[in-house]
Protein backbone atom coordinates (compact mmCIF):
# COMPACT_ATOMS: atom_id res chain seq x y z
CA UNK A 1 4.89 -23.85 -7.23
CA UNK A 2 3.39 -22.47 -10.44
CA UNK A 3 3.18 -26.00 -11.90
CA UNK A 4 1.61 -27.28 -8.69
CA UNK A 5 -1.04 -24.56 -8.77
CA UNK A 6 -1.78 -25.43 -12.40
CA UNK A 7 -2.23 -29.05 -11.34
CA UNK A 8 -4.74 -27.92 -8.71
CA UNK A 9 -6.70 -25.95 -11.30
CA UNK A 10 -6.72 -28.92 -13.66
CA UNK A 11 -8.02 -31.23 -10.94
CA UNK A 12 -10.74 -28.73 -10.10
CA UNK A 13 -11.90 -28.29 -13.70
CA UNK A 14 -11.99 -32.04 -14.35
CA UNK A 15 -13.96 -32.95 -11.23
CA UNK A 16 -16.31 -30.13 -10.25
CA UNK A 17 -19.05 -30.50 -12.90
CA UNK A 18 -19.07 -34.28 -12.54
CA UNK A 19 -19.43 -34.16 -8.73
CA UNK A 20 -16.22 -36.15 -8.15
CA UNK A 21 -15.54 -34.38 -4.88
CA UNK A 22 -14.04 -37.35 -3.05
CA UNK A 23 -11.56 -37.93 -5.88
CA UNK A 24 -10.61 -34.25 -5.90
CA UNK A 25 -10.00 -34.24 -2.14
CA UNK A 26 -7.66 -37.23 -2.43
CA UNK A 27 -5.71 -35.60 -5.26
CA UNK A 28 -5.47 -32.22 -3.49
CA UNK A 29 -4.33 -33.75 -0.21
CA UNK A 30 -1.89 -36.02 -2.02
CA UNK A 31 -0.26 -32.98 -3.61
CA UNK A 32 -0.12 -31.28 -0.21
CA UNK A 33 1.94 -34.17 1.20
CA UNK A 34 4.69 -33.31 -1.25
CA UNK A 35 4.16 -29.57 -0.96
CA UNK A 36 3.06 -28.82 2.64
CA UNK A 37 3.25 -25.10 1.92
CA UNK A 38 -0.06 -25.54 0.09
CA UNK A 39 -1.77 -25.35 3.48
CA UNK A 40 -0.88 -21.66 3.35
CA UNK A 41 -2.12 -21.22 -0.23
CA UNK A 42 -5.44 -19.40 -0.58
CA UNK A 43 -6.54 -21.19 -3.76
CA UNK A 44 -5.75 -24.60 -2.28
CA UNK A 45 -7.63 -23.87 0.94
CA UNK A 46 -10.73 -22.50 -0.78
CA UNK A 47 -11.06 -25.28 -3.35
CA UNK A 48 -10.37 -28.04 -0.84
CA UNK A 49 -13.01 -26.52 1.43
CA UNK A 50 -15.38 -26.34 -1.55
CA UNK A 51 -14.94 -30.06 -2.20
CA UNK A 52 -15.56 -30.89 1.46
CA UNK A 53 -18.70 -28.76 1.80
CA UNK A 54 -20.13 -30.28 -1.40
CA UNK A 55 -19.15 -33.84 -0.46
CA UNK A 56 -20.91 -33.24 2.86
CA UNK A 57 -24.23 -33.01 1.01
CA UNK A 58 -23.75 -36.55 -0.29
CA UNK A 59 -23.50 -37.99 3.22
CA UNK A 60 -26.49 -39.90 4.56
CA UNK A 61 -25.48 -39.60 8.19
CA UNK A 62 -25.95 -36.18 9.78
CA UNK A 63 -22.84 -36.56 11.95
CA UNK A 64 -20.62 -37.26 8.92
CA UNK A 65 -22.10 -34.32 7.05
CA UNK A 66 -21.56 -31.87 9.91
CA UNK A 67 -17.99 -33.08 10.42
CA UNK A 68 -17.14 -32.33 6.78
CA UNK A 69 -18.94 -28.99 6.86
CA UNK A 70 -17.11 -27.95 10.01
CA UNK A 71 -13.76 -28.85 8.45
CA UNK A 72 -14.70 -26.84 5.35
CA UNK A 73 -15.53 -23.88 7.60
CA UNK A 74 -12.09 -24.10 9.22
CA UNK A 75 -10.42 -24.05 5.80
CA UNK A 76 -12.49 -21.07 4.63
CA UNK A 77 -11.65 -19.16 7.81
CA UNK A 78 -7.96 -19.93 7.33
CA UNK A 79 -8.21 -18.58 3.77
CA UNK A 80 -9.75 -15.39 5.17
CA UNK A 81 -6.64 -14.83 7.27
CA UNK A 82 -4.75 -14.59 3.96
CA UNK A 83 -7.31 -12.28 2.36
CA UNK A 84 -10.02 -10.77 4.56
CA UNK A 85 -12.05 -9.74 1.51
CA UNK A 86 -11.94 -13.07 -0.30
CA UNK A 87 -15.44 -13.43 -1.73
CA UNK A 88 -14.85 -17.14 -2.34
CA UNK A 89 -13.99 -17.75 1.30
CA UNK A 90 -16.79 -15.54 2.60
CA UNK A 91 -19.39 -17.25 0.48
CA UNK A 92 -17.90 -20.64 1.32
CA UNK A 93 -18.84 -20.00 4.94
CA UNK A 94 -22.18 -18.61 3.84
CA UNK A 95 -22.83 -21.66 1.68
CA UNK A 96 -22.43 -23.99 4.64
CA UNK A 97 -24.97 -21.93 6.60
CA UNK A 98 -27.23 -21.95 3.52
CA UNK A 99 -27.05 -25.74 3.35
CA UNK A 100 -28.06 -25.76 7.01
CA UNK A 101 -30.99 -23.44 6.20
CA UNK A 102 -29.68 -20.77 8.56
CA UNK A 103 -30.42 -17.05 8.30
CA UNK A 104 -26.70 -16.48 8.89
CA UNK A 105 -26.16 -17.29 5.21
CA UNK A 106 -27.97 -14.12 4.11
CA UNK A 107 -25.47 -11.72 5.68
CA UNK A 108 -22.55 -13.54 4.06
CA UNK A 109 -24.28 -13.56 0.68
CA UNK A 110 -25.00 -9.83 0.87
CA UNK A 111 -21.45 -9.03 1.94
CA UNK A 112 -20.14 -10.89 -1.12
CA UNK A 113 -22.64 -9.20 -3.43
CA UNK A 114 -21.65 -5.69 -2.40
CA UNK A 115 -17.91 -6.47 -2.49
CA UNK A 116 -18.27 -7.76 -6.05
CA UNK A 117 -20.43 -4.82 -7.05
CA UNK A 118 -17.89 -2.37 -5.62
CA UNK A 119 -15.17 -3.99 -7.74
CA UNK A 120 -17.29 -3.61 -10.87
CA UNK A 121 -17.54 -7.35 -11.48
CA UNK A 122 -20.65 -9.25 -12.75
CA UNK A 123 -23.23 -9.45 -9.95
CA UNK A 124 -25.97 -11.66 -11.37
CA UNK A 125 -25.04 -14.90 -9.68
CA UNK A 126 -24.15 -13.16 -6.42
CA UNK A 127 -27.59 -11.51 -6.33
CA UNK A 128 -29.28 -14.83 -6.99
CA UNK A 129 -27.34 -16.45 -4.17
CA UNK A 130 -29.01 -13.99 -1.81
CA UNK A 131 -32.33 -15.12 -3.25
CA UNK A 132 -31.47 -18.77 -2.67
CA UNK A 133 -30.62 -17.99 0.95
CA UNK A 134 -34.00 -16.33 1.43
CA UNK A 135 -35.66 -19.31 -0.22
CA UNK A 136 -33.94 -21.65 2.23
CA UNK A 137 -35.58 -19.83 5.16
CA UNK A 138 -38.93 -19.72 3.27
CA UNK A 139 -39.02 -15.96 2.67
CA UNK A 140 -40.28 -16.41 -0.88
CA UNK A 141 -41.06 -12.77 -1.57
CA UNK A 142 -37.47 -11.68 -0.95
CA UNK A 143 -36.21 -14.80 -2.68
CA UNK A 144 -38.08 -13.97 -5.88
CA UNK A 145 -36.90 -10.35 -5.74
CA UNK A 146 -33.22 -11.29 -5.57
CA UNK A 147 -33.48 -14.15 -8.06
CA UNK A 148 -35.09 -11.86 -10.64
CA UNK A 149 -32.65 -9.08 -9.85
CA UNK A 150 -29.75 -11.45 -10.45
CA UNK A 151 -31.27 -12.68 -13.69
CA UNK A 152 -31.56 -9.11 -14.94
CA UNK A 153 -28.08 -8.07 -13.75
CA UNK A 154 -26.57 -11.04 -15.58
CA UNK A 155 -24.56 -11.65 -17.61
CA UNK A 156 -26.78 -14.24 -19.38
CA UNK A 157 -25.96 -17.67 -18.04
CA UNK A 158 -27.72 -21.04 -17.88
CA UNK A 159 -27.06 -21.17 -14.14
CA UNK A 160 -29.05 -17.97 -13.56
CA UNK A 161 -31.94 -19.34 -15.61
CA UNK A 162 -31.82 -22.67 -13.78
CA UNK A 163 -32.03 -21.00 -10.37
CA UNK A 164 -35.13 -19.03 -11.18
CA UNK A 165 -36.72 -21.92 -13.07
CA UNK A 166 -36.30 -24.18 -10.04
CA UNK A 167 -37.68 -21.48 -7.77
CA UNK A 168 -40.92 -21.14 -9.74
CA UNK A 169 -41.21 -24.91 -9.99
CA UNK A 170 -40.79 -25.31 -6.23
CA UNK A 171 -43.36 -22.62 -5.37
CA UNK A 172 -45.88 -24.03 -7.86
CA UNK A 173 -45.88 -21.24 -10.46
CA UNK A 174 -45.93 -23.65 -13.40
CA UNK A 175 -46.44 -21.03 -16.12
CA UNK A 176 -43.27 -19.15 -15.20
CA UNK A 177 -41.37 -22.38 -14.55
CA UNK A 178 -42.11 -23.57 -18.10
CA UNK A 179 -41.13 -20.18 -19.54
CA UNK A 180 -37.69 -20.32 -17.94
CA UNK A 181 -37.31 -24.05 -18.65
CA UNK A 182 -37.64 -23.38 -22.38
CA UNK A 183 -35.10 -20.56 -22.16
CA UNK A 184 -32.79 -22.86 -20.25
CA UNK A 185 -33.00 -25.59 -22.89
CA UNK A 186 -32.10 -23.05 -25.55
CA UNK A 187 -29.08 -21.89 -23.55
CA UNK A 188 -27.84 -25.45 -23.03
CA UNK A 189 -28.18 -26.14 -26.73
CA UNK A 190 -25.72 -23.36 -27.43
CA UNK A 191 -23.07 -24.76 -25.09
CA UNK A 192 -20.18 -26.74 -26.56
CA UNK A 193 -20.13 -30.53 -26.43
CA UNK A 194 -17.63 -30.63 -23.55
CA UNK A 195 -20.07 -28.73 -21.32
CA UNK A 196 -23.15 -30.67 -22.48
CA UNK A 197 -21.45 -33.98 -21.68
CA UNK A 198 -20.94 -33.17 -17.98
CA UNK A 199 -23.13 -34.73 -15.32
CA UNK A 200 -24.20 -31.23 -14.29
CA UNK A 201 -25.57 -30.48 -17.78
CA UNK A 202 -27.24 -33.89 -18.03
CA UNK A 203 -28.92 -33.34 -14.66
CA UNK A 204 -30.28 -30.02 -15.93
CA UNK A 205 -31.66 -31.71 -19.06
CA UNK A 206 -33.31 -34.34 -16.87
CA UNK A 207 -34.83 -31.61 -14.68
CA UNK A 208 -36.25 -29.83 -17.75
CA UNK A 209 -37.70 -33.08 -19.17
CA UNK A 210 -39.35 -33.96 -15.86
CA UNK A 211 -40.72 -30.43 -15.39
CA UNK A 212 -42.20 -30.19 -18.88
CA UNK A 213 -43.49 -33.76 -18.61
CA UNK A 214 -45.37 -32.96 -15.40
CA UNK A 215 -46.94 -29.86 -16.91
CA UNK A 216 -48.13 -31.70 -20.01
CA UNK A 217 -49.93 -34.39 -17.98
């Protein structure tokens, strides 16, 4: 089983930053045919659910999207039966509600934040997730508070900078958006080539170019 779990982790690392969610689902479920006990494995359930809830966003038809999201929810809830304090499973459910722009996401995000804080783990991203949930329901004052709080709590990370940069861009605060865009470019430049070559990193570079291009017009 240890080798199987390593295979799962390899699949995840090779697909997640290139958005190959459909491929990952096929590979995960193919492994599960040979090892049905994976359906009782917390890591398997959470990552498979993650792929489904992200693939759902790529669906053009609302019915197809909701079907995938609902299946992801079932997997996250099953993972919670194995560990009731699993922050990955809790936020997985919260993320689906966030994608649906529901206030329900906020309570899940806060629960995860305080669990992580209690364990003494880094809280920056978890705080920002609360901000993103507030942004989704158009409470921009609380969104800014939590995004900035997360940025300060850190640790320094290009993802934290990206979140707050996009926030200021979306609300029309161009001066602050440019400030964080320049910081973000500097952070990306310090990443290794493997990271910079991912679709995720290239999309960030494109976002920065478009943002700075609009400001300079």
